[in-house]
Amino acid sequence: YLFQTVLPKVKHLENFDCDLKRNDITSSIFTAINQANFSAMPHLKKFKLDLSSGHFNEADVEKLLLAVPNVKELFLGLGNVTITDKTLDDFSANVLPRLEKVQVLEIDFSSTKITDASVQKVMENLPISVSHLRVGLDFLKITDNSFECFVRNKLSSLKNLKLLKIDMKVTGVSQNLREQISKWNESYEKSSLKPLTNL
């Protein structure tokens, strides 16, 4: 009812914050969220959707990700959700490049089945407008390969970046790269704001 009836009537919605973590919702709810057509809401500045530890159909999650609106602040909690490389690859190719307004971006993929290849695509396709970036990659079977292109090519193009936080507890990432990323975190935090939220 909320998504189908109420939201379409809210003409000046600025912030959308939906906590569905540890829930088991049906495809109809995902369909209703998509039909809310957030991309057509001109005043929307912040979009937060937390699906962490929910039991969802991956096809539904993929459709929802493809409909993510172009806003200034975007928070997506996908930790411990059934998503694979295909879903993340589609998100990287079709959504991230069009998010030219995004300044604050926090995405959590912890405890999922995604691999180096998909993480690499996400890191390569990050919007250059981003100033505050946090990526949750805890408990993934990833290695240094996830970050090679990001370090070599992408990082220098993020001219507006003021905060960088990459969480990666219990992964295959080398200690050397962990230390390097920790130094990035520290260097950005010294001259910027603290993270605006924690997924």
N, C-alpha and C. Protein backbone atom coordinates (compact mmCIF):
# COMPACT_ATOMS: atom_id res chain seq x y z
N TYR A 1 0.84 -1.21 0.00
CA TYR A 1 0.00 0.00 0.00
C TYR A 1 0.88 1.27 0.00
N LEU A 2 1.90 1.27 0.86
CA LEU A 2 2.78 2.44 0.97
C LEU A 2 3.41 2.78 -0.38
N PHE A 3 4.00 1.78 -1.03
CA PHE A 3 4.71 2.02 -2.28
C PHE A 3 3.76 2.26 -3.45
N GLN A 4 2.65 1.56 -3.46
CA GLN A 4 1.73 1.65 -4.59
C GLN A 4 0.83 2.87 -4.53
N THR A 5 0.42 3.26 -3.34
CA THR A 5 -0.59 4.32 -3.20
C THR A 5 -0.04 5.63 -2.63
N VAL A 6 0.74 5.54 -1.56
CA VAL A 6 1.19 6.74 -0.88
C VAL A 6 2.34 7.44 -1.61
N LEU A 7 3.41 6.70 -1.90
CA LEU A 7 4.60 7.32 -2.50
C LEU A 7 4.32 8.10 -3.79
N PRO A 8 3.55 7.54 -4.72
CA PRO A 8 3.30 8.29 -5.96
C PRO A 8 2.63 9.65 -5.73
N LYS A 9 1.99 9.84 -4.57
CA LYS A 9 1.30 11.09 -4.28
C LYS A 9 2.19 12.11 -3.55
N VAL A 10 3.37 11.65 -3.13
CA VAL A 10 4.30 12.55 -2.44
C VAL A 10 5.10 13.30 -3.49
N LYS A 11 4.78 14.54 -3.70
CA LYS A 11 5.35 15.31 -4.81
C LYS A 11 6.74 15.86 -4.52
N HIS A 12 7.07 16.07 -3.24
CA HIS A 12 8.35 16.70 -2.92
C HIS A 12 9.20 15.84 -2.01
N LEU A 13 9.19 14.54 -2.22
CA LEU A 13 9.98 13.63 -1.41
C LEU A 13 11.47 13.91 -1.60
N GLU A 14 12.19 14.13 -0.48
CA GLU A 14 13.62 14.41 -0.54
C GLU A 14 14.47 13.25 -0.06
N ASN A 15 13.97 12.50 0.92
CA ASN A 15 14.74 11.39 1.48
C ASN A 15 13.90 10.12 1.51
N PHE A 16 14.47 9.04 0.99
CA PHE A 16 13.81 7.73 1.07
C PHE A 16 14.73 6.80 1.83
N ASP A 17 14.25 6.28 2.97
CA ASP A 17 15.05 5.41 3.83
C ASP A 17 14.21 4.18 4.15
N CYS A 18 14.56 3.05 3.56
CA CYS A 18 13.77 1.83 3.70
C CYS A 18 14.63 0.70 4.26
N ASP A 19 14.28 0.23 5.44
CA ASP A 19 15.03 -0.83 6.12
C ASP A 19 14.26 -2.15 6.00
N LEU A 20 14.76 -3.03 5.15
CA LEU A 20 14.13 -4.34 4.95
C LEU A 20 15.07 -5.48 5.37
N LYS A 21 16.10 -5.15 6.14
CA LYS A 21 17.05 -6.19 6.52
C LYS A 21 16.40 -7.27 7.37
N ARG A 22 16.90 -8.49 7.14
CA ARG A 22 16.40 -9.69 7.83
C ARG A 22 14.91 -9.90 7.59
N ASN A 23 14.46 -9.51 6.42
CA ASN A 23 13.06 -9.71 6.06
C ASN A 23 12.93 -10.73 4.94
N ASP A 24 11.77 -11.25 4.80
CA ASP A 24 11.45 -12.19 3.73
C ASP A 24 10.23 -11.64 3.02
N ILE A 25 10.47 -10.85 1.98
CA ILE A 25 9.34 -10.21 1.31
C ILE A 25 9.13 -10.81 -0.07
N THR A 26 7.96 -10.62 -0.60
CA THR A 26 7.58 -11.24 -1.86
C THR A 26 7.96 -10.37 -3.05
N SER A 27 7.88 -10.97 -4.22
CA SER A 27 8.19 -10.25 -5.46
C SER A 27 7.27 -9.06 -5.66
N SER A 28 6.06 -9.13 -5.15
CA SER A 28 5.11 -8.03 -5.34
C SER A 28 5.60 -6.74 -4.66
N ILE A 29 6.30 -6.89 -3.53
CA ILE A 29 6.84 -5.70 -2.85
C ILE A 29 7.92 -5.06 -3.69
N PHE A 30 8.80 -5.88 -4.27
CA PHE A 30 9.85 -5.35 -5.14
C PHE A 30 9.23 -4.65 -6.35
N THR A 31 8.19 -5.26 -6.89
CA THR A 31 7.51 -4.66 -8.04
C THR A 31 6.92 -3.30 -7.65
N ALA A 32 6.32 -3.24 -6.47
CA ALA A 32 5.72 -1.98 -6.00
C ALA A 32 6.77 -0.90 -5.80
N ILE A 33 7.94 -1.28 -5.26
CA ILE A 33 9.02 -0.30 -5.07
C ILE A 33 9.47 0.22 -6.43
N ASN A 34 9.62 -0.67 -7.39
CA ASN A 34 10.02 -0.25 -8.73
C ASN A 34 9.00 0.68 -9.36
N GLN A 35 7.73 0.39 -9.14
CA GLN A 35 6.66 1.20 -9.74
C GLN A 35 6.55 2.58 -9.09
N ALA A 36 7.18 2.75 -7.94
CA ALA A 36 7.18 4.07 -7.31
C ALA A 36 7.94 5.08 -8.17
N ASN A 37 8.79 4.58 -9.07
CA ASN A 37 9.49 5.41 -10.05
C ASN A 37 10.25 6.56 -9.39
N PHE A 38 11.21 6.21 -8.54
CA PHE A 38 12.00 7.21 -7.83
C PHE A 38 12.78 8.13 -8.77
N SER A 39 13.15 7.62 -9.92
CA SER A 39 13.92 8.42 -10.87
C SER A 39 13.14 9.63 -11.38
N ALA A 40 11.80 9.57 -11.25
CA ALA A 40 10.97 10.67 -11.72
C ALA A 40 10.64 11.68 -10.62
N MET A 41 11.30 11.52 -9.46
CA MET A 41 11.06 12.44 -8.33
C MET A 41 12.16 13.48 -8.32
N PRO A 42 11.91 14.68 -8.80
CA PRO A 42 12.95 15.69 -8.98
C PRO A 42 13.58 16.21 -7.70
N HIS A 43 12.89 16.08 -6.56
CA HIS A 43 13.40 16.62 -5.31
C HIS A 43 14.15 15.59 -4.48
N LEU A 44 14.18 14.34 -4.94
CA LEU A 44 14.81 13.27 -4.17
C LEU A 44 16.33 13.46 -4.13
N LYS A 45 16.86 13.55 -2.92
CA LYS A 45 18.30 13.77 -2.74
C LYS A 45 19.01 12.56 -2.13
N LYS A 46 18.28 11.82 -1.32
CA LYS A 46 18.89 10.69 -0.62
C LYS A 46 18.04 9.44 -0.80
N PHE A 47 18.70 8.33 -1.13
CA PHE A 47 18.01 7.06 -1.32
C PHE A 47 18.77 5.99 -0.54
N LYS A 48 18.13 5.43 0.46
CA LYS A 48 18.76 4.39 1.26
C LYS A 48 17.86 3.17 1.30
N LEU A 49 18.42 2.04 0.91
CA LEU A 49 17.68 0.78 0.89
C LEU A 49 18.56 -0.30 1.49
N ASP A 50 18.15 -0.84 2.62
CA ASP A 50 18.93 -1.87 3.30
C ASP A 50 18.21 -3.21 3.21
N LEU A 51 18.78 -4.11 2.42
CA LEU A 51 18.22 -5.45 2.24
C LEU A 51 19.05 -6.51 2.96
N SER A 52 19.98 -6.09 3.80
CA SER A 52 20.93 -7.00 4.44
C SER A 52 20.27 -8.19 5.11
N SER A 53 20.84 -9.36 4.84
CA SER A 53 20.39 -10.62 5.45
C SER A 53 18.94 -10.94 5.17
N GLY A 54 18.42 -10.39 4.08
CA GLY A 54 17.05 -10.71 3.68
C GLY A 54 17.02 -11.92 2.77
N HIS A 55 15.88 -12.55 2.69
CA HIS A 55 15.71 -13.72 1.84
C HIS A 55 14.89 -13.31 0.62
N PHE A 56 15.59 -13.00 -0.47
CA PHE A 56 14.94 -12.47 -1.65
C PHE A 56 15.32 -13.26 -2.89
N ASN A 57 14.49 -13.16 -3.88
CA ASN A 57 14.78 -13.73 -5.18
C ASN A 57 15.80 -12.82 -5.88
N GLU A 58 16.88 -13.39 -6.40
CA GLU A 58 17.93 -12.56 -7.01
C GLU A 58 17.41 -11.74 -8.18
N ALA A 59 16.49 -12.28 -8.95
CA ALA A 59 15.93 -11.54 -10.09
C ALA A 59 15.23 -10.26 -9.62
N ASP A 60 14.56 -10.34 -8.47
CA ASP A 60 13.88 -9.17 -7.92
C ASP A 60 14.89 -8.11 -7.48
N VAL A 61 15.96 -8.58 -6.83
CA VAL A 61 17.01 -7.66 -6.38
C VAL A 61 17.65 -6.96 -7.58
N GLU A 62 17.87 -7.72 -8.64
CA GLU A 62 18.50 -7.14 -9.84
C GLU A 62 17.62 -6.04 -10.44
N LYS A 63 16.33 -6.29 -10.56
CA LYS A 63 15.41 -5.28 -11.11
C LYS A 63 15.42 -4.02 -10.26
N LEU A 64 15.47 -4.21 -8.94
CA LEU A 64 15.47 -3.07 -8.04
C LEU A 64 16.75 -2.26 -8.19
N LEU A 65 17.88 -2.93 -8.30
CA LEU A 65 19.16 -2.23 -8.46
C LEU A 65 19.21 -1.45 -9.77
N LEU A 66 18.62 -2.00 -10.81
CA LEU A 66 18.63 -1.33 -12.10
C LEU A 66 17.77 -0.07 -12.10
N ALA A 67 16.88 0.04 -11.09
CA ALA A 67 15.99 1.20 -10.99
C ALA A 67 16.48 2.23 -9.97
N VAL A 68 17.68 2.05 -9.44
CA VAL A 68 18.21 2.98 -8.44
C VAL A 68 18.28 4.39 -9.04
N PRO A 69 17.76 5.38 -8.34
CA PRO A 69 17.72 6.74 -8.88
C PRO A 69 19.06 7.47 -8.79
N ASN A 70 19.19 8.49 -9.60
CA ASN A 70 20.39 9.33 -9.61
C ASN A 70 20.21 10.42 -8.55
N VAL A 71 20.78 10.19 -7.36
CA VAL A 71 20.61 11.11 -6.24
C VAL A 71 21.98 11.52 -5.69
N LYS A 72 21.99 12.48 -4.79
CA LYS A 72 23.26 12.94 -4.22
C LYS A 72 23.82 11.97 -3.19
N GLU A 73 22.94 11.29 -2.47
CA GLU A 73 23.38 10.35 -1.44
C GLU A 73 22.71 9.01 -1.66
N LEU A 74 23.53 7.99 -1.86
CA LEU A 74 23.01 6.65 -2.17
C LEU A 74 23.62 5.62 -1.23
N PHE A 75 22.74 4.87 -0.57
CA PHE A 75 23.17 3.85 0.38
C PHE A 75 22.45 2.54 0.05
N LEU A 76 23.21 1.50 -0.25
CA LEU A 76 22.64 0.20 -0.58
C LEU A 76 23.24 -0.88 0.31
N GLY A 77 22.40 -1.50 1.12
CA GLY A 77 22.84 -2.58 1.99
C GLY A 77 22.47 -3.92 1.38
N LEU A 78 23.48 -4.63 0.88
CA LEU A 78 23.24 -5.92 0.22
C LEU A 78 24.03 -7.05 0.89
N GLY A 79 24.48 -6.80 2.10
CA GLY A 79 25.25 -7.83 2.81
C GLY A 79 24.43 -9.07 3.10
N ASN A 80 25.05 -10.22 2.84
CA ASN A 80 24.41 -11.51 3.10
C ASN A 80 23.08 -11.67 2.36
N VAL A 81 23.07 -11.15 1.13
CA VAL A 81 21.90 -11.29 0.26
C VAL A 81 22.30 -12.19 -0.92
N THR A 82 21.36 -12.93 -1.45
CA THR A 82 21.66 -13.82 -2.57
C THR A 82 21.83 -13.02 -3.86
N ILE A 83 23.07 -12.59 -4.10
CA ILE A 83 23.40 -11.95 -5.37
C ILE A 83 24.68 -12.58 -5.91
N THR A 84 24.78 -12.64 -7.22
CA THR A 84 25.94 -13.23 -7.87
C THR A 84 26.57 -12.21 -8.81
N ASP A 85 27.60 -12.63 -9.50
CA ASP A 85 28.31 -11.72 -10.40
C ASP A 85 27.40 -11.11 -11.46
N LYS A 86 26.45 -11.87 -11.96
CA LYS A 86 25.59 -11.36 -13.03
C LYS A 86 24.84 -10.10 -12.59
N THR A 87 24.24 -10.17 -11.40
CA THR A 87 23.49 -9.03 -10.89
C THR A 87 24.39 -7.82 -10.70
N LEU A 88 25.56 -8.05 -10.13
CA LEU A 88 26.47 -6.95 -9.88
C LEU A 88 27.06 -6.39 -11.17
N ASP A 89 27.30 -7.26 -12.14
CA ASP A 89 27.82 -6.81 -13.44
C ASP A 89 26.82 -5.89 -14.14
N ASP A 90 25.55 -6.26 -14.09
CA ASP A 90 24.50 -5.42 -14.70
C ASP A 90 24.41 -4.07 -13.99
N PHE A 91 24.53 -4.09 -12.67
CA PHE A 91 24.50 -2.85 -11.89
C PHE A 91 25.70 -1.96 -12.26
N SER A 92 26.87 -2.58 -12.39
CA SER A 92 28.08 -1.82 -12.72
C SER A 92 28.00 -1.21 -14.11
N ALA A 93 27.47 -1.97 -15.06
CA ALA A 93 27.45 -1.51 -16.45
C ALA A 93 26.32 -0.53 -16.74
N ASN A 94 25.17 -0.72 -16.10
CA ASN A 94 23.97 0.05 -16.47
C ASN A 94 23.53 1.11 -15.48
N VAL A 95 24.01 1.05 -14.25
CA VAL A 95 23.56 2.00 -13.23
C VAL A 95 24.68 2.95 -12.80
N LEU A 96 25.79 2.42 -12.37
CA LEU A 96 26.87 3.28 -11.87
C LEU A 96 27.29 4.39 -12.83
N PRO A 97 27.41 4.11 -14.14
CA PRO A 97 27.84 5.19 -15.05
C PRO A 97 26.87 6.36 -15.17
N ARG A 98 25.59 6.15 -14.84
CA ARG A 98 24.62 7.24 -14.99
C ARG A 98 24.38 8.00 -13.68
N LEU A 99 25.09 7.66 -12.63
CA LEU A 99 24.89 8.32 -11.34
C LEU A 99 25.81 9.54 -11.21
N GLU A 100 25.63 10.48 -12.11
CA GLU A 100 26.54 11.64 -12.14
C GLU A 100 26.30 12.64 -11.02
N LYS A 101 25.20 12.50 -10.28
CA LYS A 101 24.93 13.40 -9.16
C LYS A 101 25.50 12.90 -7.83
N VAL A 102 25.82 11.63 -7.76
CA VAL A 102 26.17 11.01 -6.48
C VAL A 102 27.44 11.59 -5.87
N GLN A 103 27.30 12.06 -4.64
CA GLN A 103 28.44 12.57 -3.89
C GLN A 103 28.79 11.63 -2.73
N VAL A 104 27.77 11.10 -2.09
CA VAL A 104 27.98 10.14 -1.00
C VAL A 104 27.49 8.77 -1.48
N LEU A 105 28.39 7.80 -1.49
CA LEU A 105 28.04 6.46 -1.98
C LEU A 105 28.53 5.42 -1.00
N GLU A 106 27.60 4.66 -0.45
CA GLU A 106 27.94 3.56 0.45
C GLU A 106 27.21 2.31 -0.01
N ILE A 107 28.00 1.28 -0.30
CA ILE A 107 27.44 0.00 -0.77
C ILE A 107 28.08 -1.13 0.01
N ASP A 108 27.26 -2.03 0.49
CA ASP A 108 27.76 -3.18 1.24
C ASP A 108 27.43 -4.47 0.51
N PHE A 109 28.49 -5.21 0.14
CA PHE A 109 28.33 -6.51 -0.52
C PHE A 109 28.86 -7.65 0.35
N SER A 110 29.08 -7.40 1.62
CA SER A 110 29.70 -8.38 2.50
C SER A 110 28.91 -9.70 2.56
N SER A 111 29.66 -10.79 2.70
CA SER A 111 29.06 -12.13 2.87
C SER A 111 28.14 -12.52 1.72
N THR A 112 28.53 -12.17 0.50
CA THR A 112 27.79 -12.62 -0.69
C THR A 112 28.70 -13.53 -1.50
N LYS A 113 28.23 -13.95 -2.67
CA LYS A 113 29.00 -14.88 -3.50
C LYS A 113 29.72 -14.20 -4.67
N ILE A 114 29.81 -12.88 -4.62
CA ILE A 114 30.46 -12.18 -5.72
C ILE A 114 31.97 -12.42 -5.70
N THR A 115 32.60 -12.27 -6.87
CA THR A 115 34.01 -12.60 -7.04
C THR A 115 34.84 -11.37 -7.41
N ASP A 116 36.13 -11.62 -7.57
CA ASP A 116 37.05 -10.55 -7.97
C ASP A 116 36.57 -9.79 -9.20
N ALA A 117 36.12 -10.52 -10.20
CA ALA A 117 35.75 -9.90 -11.48
C ALA A 117 34.66 -8.85 -11.30
N SER A 118 33.65 -9.16 -10.49
CA SER A 118 32.55 -8.22 -10.29
C SER A 118 32.94 -7.04 -9.42
N VAL A 119 33.72 -7.30 -8.37
CA VAL A 119 34.18 -6.21 -7.53
C VAL A 119 35.03 -5.25 -8.35
N GLN A 120 35.85 -5.81 -9.21
CA GLN A 120 36.69 -4.97 -10.07
C GLN A 120 35.85 -4.06 -10.96
N LYS A 121 34.77 -4.59 -11.51
CA LYS A 121 33.91 -3.79 -12.37
C LYS A 121 33.22 -2.66 -11.60
N VAL A 122 32.82 -2.96 -10.36
CA VAL A 122 32.21 -1.92 -9.53
C VAL A 122 33.22 -0.80 -9.29
N MET A 123 34.42 -1.17 -8.90
CA MET A 123 35.44 -0.17 -8.59
C MET A 123 35.83 0.64 -9.82
N GLU A 124 35.83 0.01 -10.98
CA GLU A 124 36.18 0.71 -12.22
C GLU A 124 35.10 1.68 -12.67
N ASN A 125 33.85 1.39 -12.32
CA ASN A 125 32.72 2.18 -12.81
C ASN A 125 32.16 3.16 -11.79
N LEU A 126 32.87 3.39 -10.72
CA LEU A 126 32.40 4.34 -9.70
C LEU A 126 32.21 5.72 -10.32
N PRO A 127 31.15 6.44 -9.96
CA PRO A 127 30.93 7.78 -10.50
C PRO A 127 32.05 8.73 -10.09
N ILE A 128 32.55 9.52 -11.02
CA ILE A 128 33.65 10.42 -10.71
C ILE A 128 33.21 11.59 -9.83
N SER A 129 31.90 11.75 -9.65
CA SER A 129 31.38 12.83 -8.80
C SER A 129 31.49 12.50 -7.31
N VAL A 130 31.77 11.24 -6.97
CA VAL A 130 31.70 10.81 -5.57
C VAL A 130 32.77 11.50 -4.72
N SER A 131 32.35 11.96 -3.54
CA SER A 131 33.28 12.60 -2.59
C SER A 131 33.45 11.76 -1.33
N HIS A 132 32.42 11.00 -0.95
CA HIS A 132 32.47 10.13 0.21
C HIS A 132 32.11 8.71 -0.25
N LEU A 133 33.09 7.82 -0.14
CA LEU A 133 32.90 6.46 -0.67
C LEU A 133 33.20 5.43 0.40
N ARG A 134 32.23 4.53 0.59
CA ARG A 134 32.45 3.39 1.47
C ARG A 134 31.94 2.13 0.78
N VAL A 135 32.78 1.10 0.74
CA VAL A 135 32.41 -0.17 0.11
C VAL A 135 32.65 -1.29 1.11
N GLY A 136 31.61 -2.06 1.41
CA GLY A 136 31.72 -3.18 2.34
C GLY A 136 31.98 -4.49 1.60
N LEU A 137 33.15 -5.07 1.85
CA LEU A 137 33.54 -6.31 1.15
C LEU A 137 34.00 -7.38 2.14
N ASP A 138 33.49 -7.33 3.36
CA ASP A 138 33.88 -8.31 4.37
C ASP A 138 33.42 -9.71 4.00
N PHE A 139 34.25 -10.69 4.35
CA PHE A 139 33.91 -12.11 4.19
C PHE A 139 33.60 -12.49 2.74
N LEU A 140 34.41 -11.98 1.82
CA LEU A 140 34.29 -12.35 0.41
C LEU A 140 35.52 -13.10 -0.04
N LYS A 141 35.35 -13.95 -1.03
CA LYS A 141 36.49 -14.69 -1.59
C LYS A 141 37.13 -13.84 -2.69
N ILE A 142 37.72 -12.72 -2.27
CA ILE A 142 38.35 -11.83 -3.24
C ILE A 142 39.84 -11.71 -2.93
N THR A 143 40.59 -11.23 -3.93
CA THR A 143 42.04 -11.07 -3.80
C THR A 143 42.43 -9.66 -4.24
N ASP A 144 43.71 -9.44 -4.37
CA ASP A 144 44.22 -8.14 -4.83
C ASP A 144 43.70 -7.80 -6.23
N ASN A 145 43.32 -8.81 -6.99
CA ASN A 145 42.83 -8.57 -8.36
C ASN A 145 41.62 -7.65 -8.40
N SER A 146 40.86 -7.61 -7.31
CA SER A 146 39.67 -6.76 -7.26
C SER A 146 40.02 -5.28 -7.37
N PHE A 147 41.26 -4.94 -7.01
CA PHE A 147 41.62 -3.52 -6.87
C PHE A 147 42.71 -3.05 -7.83
N GLU A 148 43.24 -3.95 -8.64
CA GLU A 148 44.37 -3.58 -9.50
C GLU A 148 44.06 -2.40 -10.41
N CYS A 149 42.96 -2.49 -11.15
CA CYS A 149 42.60 -1.41 -12.07
C CYS A 149 42.17 -0.15 -11.32
N PHE A 150 41.52 -0.34 -10.19
CA PHE A 150 41.10 0.80 -9.38
C PHE A 150 42.31 1.61 -8.93
N VAL A 151 43.32 0.91 -8.44
CA VAL A 151 44.53 1.57 -7.97
C VAL A 151 45.28 2.21 -9.13
N ARG A 152 45.39 1.49 -10.23
CA ARG A 152 46.19 1.94 -11.37
C ARG A 152 45.51 3.05 -12.17
N ASN A 153 44.18 2.97 -12.32
CA ASN A 153 43.49 3.90 -13.22
C ASN A 153 42.43 4.78 -12.58
N LYS A 154 41.56 4.17 -11.79
CA LYS A 154 40.36 4.87 -11.34
C LYS A 154 40.60 5.88 -10.22
N LEU A 155 41.39 5.50 -9.23
CA LEU A 155 41.54 6.32 -8.03
C LEU A 155 41.96 7.75 -8.36
N SER A 156 42.86 7.91 -9.28
CA SER A 156 43.35 9.25 -9.63
C SER A 156 42.29 10.10 -10.32
N SER A 157 41.26 9.46 -10.88
CA SER A 157 40.21 10.20 -11.57
C SER A 157 39.12 10.70 -10.62
N LEU A 158 39.14 10.24 -9.39
CA LEU A 158 38.13 10.65 -8.41
C LEU A 158 38.59 11.94 -7.73
N LYS A 159 38.53 13.01 -8.46
CA LYS A 159 39.08 14.30 -8.02
C LYS A 159 38.36 14.88 -6.81
N ASN A 160 37.09 14.51 -6.63
CA ASN A 160 36.31 15.08 -5.53
C ASN A 160 36.38 14.26 -4.25
N LEU A 161 37.12 13.16 -4.28
CA LEU A 161 37.11 12.22 -3.16
C LEU A 161 37.71 12.84 -1.90
N LYS A 162 36.91 12.79 -0.81
CA LYS A 162 37.34 13.32 0.48
C LYS A 162 37.37 12.24 1.55
N LEU A 163 36.64 11.18 1.32
CA LEU A 163 36.64 10.08 2.28
C LEU A 163 36.56 8.75 1.53
N LEU A 164 37.47 7.86 1.89
CA LEU A 164 37.51 6.53 1.26
C LEU A 164 37.59 5.48 2.35
N LYS A 165 36.65 4.56 2.36
CA LYS A 165 36.64 3.48 3.34
C LYS A 165 36.28 2.18 2.64
N ILE A 166 37.18 1.22 2.68
CA ILE A 166 36.92 -0.10 2.10
C ILE A 166 37.06 -1.12 3.21
N ASP A 167 35.95 -1.76 3.56
CA ASP A 167 35.94 -2.77 4.61
C ASP A 167 36.16 -4.14 3.98
N MET A 168 37.14 -4.89 4.48
CA MET A 168 37.39 -6.22 3.90
C MET A 168 38.00 -7.18 4.92
N LYS A 169 37.23 -7.45 5.96
CA LYS A 169 37.64 -8.44 6.94
C LYS A 169 37.49 -9.84 6.34
N VAL A 170 38.45 -10.70 6.64
CA VAL A 170 38.41 -12.11 6.23
C VAL A 170 38.22 -12.23 4.71
N THR A 171 39.19 -11.79 3.97
CA THR A 171 39.22 -11.95 2.51
C THR A 171 40.60 -12.47 2.12
N GLY A 172 40.80 -12.64 0.81
CA GLY A 172 42.10 -13.09 0.33
C GLY A 172 42.99 -11.94 -0.09
N VAL A 173 42.64 -10.72 0.29
CA VAL A 173 43.44 -9.55 -0.06
C VAL A 173 44.73 -9.56 0.76
N SER A 174 45.86 -9.28 0.10
CA SER A 174 47.16 -9.35 0.76
C SER A 174 47.32 -8.30 1.85
N GLN A 175 48.20 -8.59 2.79
CA GLN A 175 48.46 -7.65 3.88
C GLN A 175 49.03 -6.34 3.33
N ASN A 176 49.83 -6.44 2.29
CA ASN A 176 50.43 -5.24 1.69
C ASN A 176 49.36 -4.28 1.17
N LEU A 177 48.39 -4.83 0.45
CA LEU A 177 47.32 -3.99 -0.09
C LEU A 177 46.41 -3.48 1.02
N ARG A 178 46.17 -4.31 2.03
CA ARG A 178 45.37 -3.88 3.17
C ARG A 178 45.99 -2.64 3.83
N GLU A 179 47.31 -2.69 3.98
CA GLU A 179 48.01 -1.58 4.61
C GLU A 179 47.93 -0.33 3.73
N GLN A 180 48.03 -0.52 2.40
CA GLN A 180 47.95 0.60 1.49
C GLN A 180 46.56 1.26 1.56
N ILE A 181 45.53 0.43 1.57
CA ILE A 181 44.16 0.95 1.65
C ILE A 181 43.93 1.63 2.99
N SER A 182 44.51 1.08 4.05
CA SER A 182 44.40 1.70 5.37
C SER A 182 45.02 3.09 5.36
N LYS A 183 46.13 3.24 4.66
CA LYS A 183 46.79 4.55 4.55
C LYS A 183 45.91 5.52 3.77
N TRP A 184 45.26 5.03 2.73
CA TRP A 184 44.32 5.89 1.98
C TRP A 184 43.22 6.37 2.90
N ASN A 185 42.66 5.41 3.65
CA ASN A 185 41.57 5.76 4.57
C ASN A 185 42.01 6.88 5.51
N GLU A 186 43.19 6.71 6.10
CA GLU A 186 43.69 7.68 7.07
C GLU A 186 43.95 9.04 6.42
N SER A 187 44.53 9.01 5.22
CA SER A 187 44.87 10.28 4.57
C SER A 187 43.63 11.08 4.19
N TYR A 188 42.59 10.38 3.74
CA TYR A 188 41.35 11.08 3.39
C TYR A 188 40.61 11.56 4.64
N GLU A 189 40.61 10.73 5.69
CA GLU A 189 39.88 11.09 6.91
C GLU A 189 40.48 12.30 7.61
N LYS A 190 41.77 12.51 7.46
CA LYS A 190 42.42 13.65 8.10
C LYS A 190 41.92 14.99 7.55
N SER A 191 41.46 14.96 6.32
CA SER A 191 41.06 16.21 5.69
C SER A 191 39.59 16.23 5.27
N SER A 192 38.78 15.40 5.92
CA SER A 192 37.38 15.33 5.51
C SER A 192 36.47 15.00 6.67
N LEU A 193 35.19 14.90 6.34
CA LEU A 193 34.18 14.53 7.32
C LEU A 193 34.24 13.04 7.62
N LYS A 194 33.68 12.65 8.72
CA LYS A 194 33.51 11.24 9.04
C LYS A 194 32.37 10.68 8.18
N PRO A 195 32.31 9.34 8.02
CA PRO A 195 31.20 8.77 7.23
C PRO A 195 29.86 9.25 7.76
N LEU A 196 28.95 9.52 6.85
CA LEU A 196 27.65 10.06 7.23
C LEU A 196 26.73 9.00 7.81
N THR A 197 27.01 7.75 7.51
CA THR A 197 26.17 6.67 8.02
C THR A 197 26.95 5.37 8.00
N ASN A 198 26.44 4.39 8.67
CA ASN A 198 27.03 3.05 8.66
C ASN A 198 25.96 2.06 8.25
N LEU A 199 26.23 1.31 7.22
CA LEU A 199 25.25 0.30 6.78
C LEU A 199 25.37 -0.91 7.69
